[in-house]
Structure formats: structure tokens, C-alpha cells
Amino acid sequence: MHTLKLTQIGNSLGVILPKEVLIKLGLEKGEEVYLTDSPDGMRLTTHNPEFEEQMRIARDLMKERRAVLRELAK
């Protein structure tokens, strides 16, 4: 577990992630992270959960309509 301290960044507050955390998450300067609600509080992730859900729906639709998509591809 890492304890993060809030710090003033311009007119906002922010946290600085330790180097070990950045390495573990595979993050570099300028990359995006996502803060989402979870049953046990907030969750910081490197993937967009909304996009992941949209892709799951798209995969299900493509699987369900495979024959139609095959005909349209001709």
C-alpha cells in the first residue's frame, strides 16, 4: 500500500505517484488514467471502463450478427 499526499498544483490539488507505482502501472508522462467508483471506494485504472463495456457490446453484436456482417463485407 502506498500513502499519497495531496499537493497544490496551480489552482488544483493533485497527488504525485511514486516511480514504483508508475512502473507497475506501465505509465509515462502524459498518459491518461481513469478514476471510477467501485463498491469499496474509488479505483484508479489505466484503461477506460466505459470503452471496455462498449467493446464488449460490439463483440456480442458481431458474434450474434456474423452472417449479416459477412454478407455486407462482400
C-alpha atoms as a PDB file:
ATOM      1  CA  MET A   1       0.000   0.000   0.000  1.00  0.00           C
ATOM      2  CA  HIS A   2       1.188   3.495  -0.820  1.00  0.00           C
ATOM      3  CA  THR A   3       0.096   6.594   1.054  1.00  0.00           C
ATOM      4  CA  LEU A   4      -0.311   9.584  -1.242  1.00  0.00           C
ATOM      5  CA  LYS A   5      -0.360  13.171  -0.064  1.00  0.00           C
ATOM      6  CA  LEU A   6      -2.442  15.920  -1.691  1.00  0.00           C
ATOM      7  CA  THR A   7      -0.343  18.765  -3.031  1.00  0.00           C
ATOM      8  CA  GLN A   8      -1.135  22.136  -4.591  1.00  0.00           C
ATOM      9  CA  ILE A   9      -0.755  22.114  -8.395  1.00  0.00           C
ATOM     10  CA  GLY A  10      -1.713  25.531  -9.740  1.00  0.00           C
ATOM     11  CA  ASN A  11      -5.292  26.205  -8.635  1.00  0.00           C
ATOM     12  CA  SER A  12      -5.969  22.495  -8.162  1.00  0.00           C
ATOM     13  CA  LEU A  13      -4.996  19.698  -5.808  1.00  0.00           C
ATOM     14  CA  GLY A  14      -3.237  16.590  -7.016  1.00  0.00           C
ATOM     15  CA  VAL A  15      -1.204  13.587  -5.986  1.00  0.00           C
ATOM     16  CA  ILE A  16       2.216  12.527  -7.151  1.00  0.00           C
ATOM     17  CA  LEU A  17       2.547   8.837  -7.941  1.00  0.00           C
ATOM     18  CA  PRO A  18       5.780   7.219  -6.799  1.00  0.00           C
ATOM     19  CA  LYS A  19       8.093   5.887  -9.505  1.00  0.00           C
ATOM     20  CA  GLU A  20       7.436   2.269  -8.462  1.00  0.00           C
ATOM     21  CA  VAL A  21       3.697   2.760  -8.950  1.00  0.00           C
ATOM     22  CA  LEU A  22       4.211   4.297 -12.404  1.00  0.00           C
ATOM     23  CA  ILE A  23       6.404   1.360 -13.417  1.00  0.00           C
ATOM     24  CA  LYS A  24       3.892  -1.175 -12.079  1.00  0.00           C
ATOM     25  CA  LEU A  25       1.046   0.530 -13.981  1.00  0.00           C
ATOM     26  CA  GLY A  26       3.201   0.922 -17.092  1.00  0.00           C
ATOM     27  CA  LEU A  27       2.570   4.674 -17.203  1.00  0.00           C
ATOM     28  CA  GLU A  28       4.638   7.518 -18.575  1.00  0.00           C
ATOM     29  CA  LYS A  29       4.234  11.285 -18.522  1.00  0.00           C
ATOM     30  CA  GLY A  30       1.188  12.478 -20.455  1.00  0.00           C
ATOM     31  CA  GLU A  31      -0.745   9.207 -20.362  1.00  0.00           C
ATOM     32  CA  GLU A  32      -4.294   9.055 -19.047  1.00  0.00           C
ATOM     33  CA  VAL A  33      -5.619   7.218 -16.007  1.00  0.00           C
ATOM     34  CA  TYR A  34      -9.254   6.724 -15.053  1.00  0.00           C
ATOM     35  CA  LEU A  35     -10.806   7.185 -11.613  1.00  0.00           C
ATOM     36  CA  THR A  36     -14.036   5.239 -11.242  1.00  0.00           C
ATOM     37  CA  ASP A  37     -16.449   4.365  -8.463  1.00  0.00           C
ATOM     38  CA  SER A  38     -16.234   0.849  -7.104  1.00  0.00           C
ATOM     39  CA  PRO A  39     -18.117  -0.945  -4.324  1.00  0.00           C
ATOM     40  CA  ASP A  40     -15.202  -0.424  -1.929  1.00  0.00           C
ATOM     41  CA  GLY A  41     -14.430   3.220  -2.817  1.00  0.00           C
ATOM     42  CA  MET A  42     -12.617   4.720  -5.804  1.00  0.00           C
ATOM     43  CA  ARG A  43     -10.457   2.838  -8.309  1.00  0.00           C
ATOM     44  CA  LEU A  44      -7.551   4.174 -10.382  1.00  0.00           C
ATOM     45  CA  THR A  45      -7.039   2.249 -13.633  1.00  0.00           C
ATOM     46  CA  THR A  46      -5.074   2.589 -16.843  1.00  0.00           C
ATOM     47  CA  HIS A  47      -7.969   1.504 -19.060  1.00  0.00           C
ATOM     48  CA  ASN A  48     -11.239   3.219 -19.865  1.00  0.00           C
ATOM     49  CA  PRO A  49     -14.039   1.089 -18.362  1.00  0.00           C
ATOM     50  CA  GLU A  50     -16.731   2.787 -20.499  1.00  0.00           C
ATOM     51  CA  PHE A  51     -14.849   1.932 -23.710  1.00  0.00           C
ATOM     52  CA  GLU A  52     -14.316  -1.622 -22.477  1.00  0.00           C
ATOM     53  CA  GLU A  53     -18.075  -2.030 -21.968  1.00  0.00           C
ATOM     54  CA  GLN A  54     -18.783  -0.601 -25.441  1.00  0.00           C
ATOM     55  CA  MET A  55     -16.327  -3.077 -26.964  1.00  0.00           C
ATOM     56  CA  ARG A  56     -17.959  -5.974 -25.101  1.00  0.00           C
ATOM     57  CA  ILE A  57     -21.344  -4.972 -26.536  1.00  0.00           C
ATOM     58  CA  ALA A  58     -19.835  -4.622 -30.037  1.00  0.00           C
ATOM     59  CA  ARG A  59     -18.216  -8.079 -29.810  1.00  0.00           C
ATOM     60  CA  ASP A  60     -21.514  -9.633 -28.709  1.00  0.00           C
ATOM     61  CA  LEU A  61     -23.344  -7.925 -31.581  1.00  0.00           C
ATOM     62  CA  MET A  62     -20.735  -9.022 -34.146  1.00  0.00           C
ATOM     63  CA  LYS A  63     -20.945 -12.590 -32.877  1.00  0.00           C
ATOM     64  CA  GLU A  64     -24.756 -12.539 -32.999  1.00  0.00           C
ATOM     65  CA  ARG A  65     -24.898 -10.968 -36.486  1.00  0.00           C
ATOM     66  CA  ARG A  66     -21.881 -12.714 -38.009  1.00  0.00           C
ATOM     67  CA  ALA A  67     -23.773 -13.869 -41.135  1.00  0.00           C
ATOM     68  CA  VAL A  68     -25.135 -10.375 -41.856  1.00  0.00           C
ATOM     69  CA  LEU A  69     -21.708  -8.798 -41.443  1.00  0.00           C
ATOM     70  CA  ARG A  70     -20.174 -11.423 -43.730  1.00  0.00           C
ATOM     71  CA  GLU A  71     -22.724 -10.586 -46.450  1.00  0.00           C
ATOM     72  CA  LEU A  72     -22.114  -6.853 -46.059  1.00  0.00           C
ATOM     73  CA  ALA A  73     -18.358  -7.387 -46.423  1.00  0.00           C
ATOM     74  CA  LYS A  74     -18.789  -8.844 -49.941  1.00  0.00           C
END
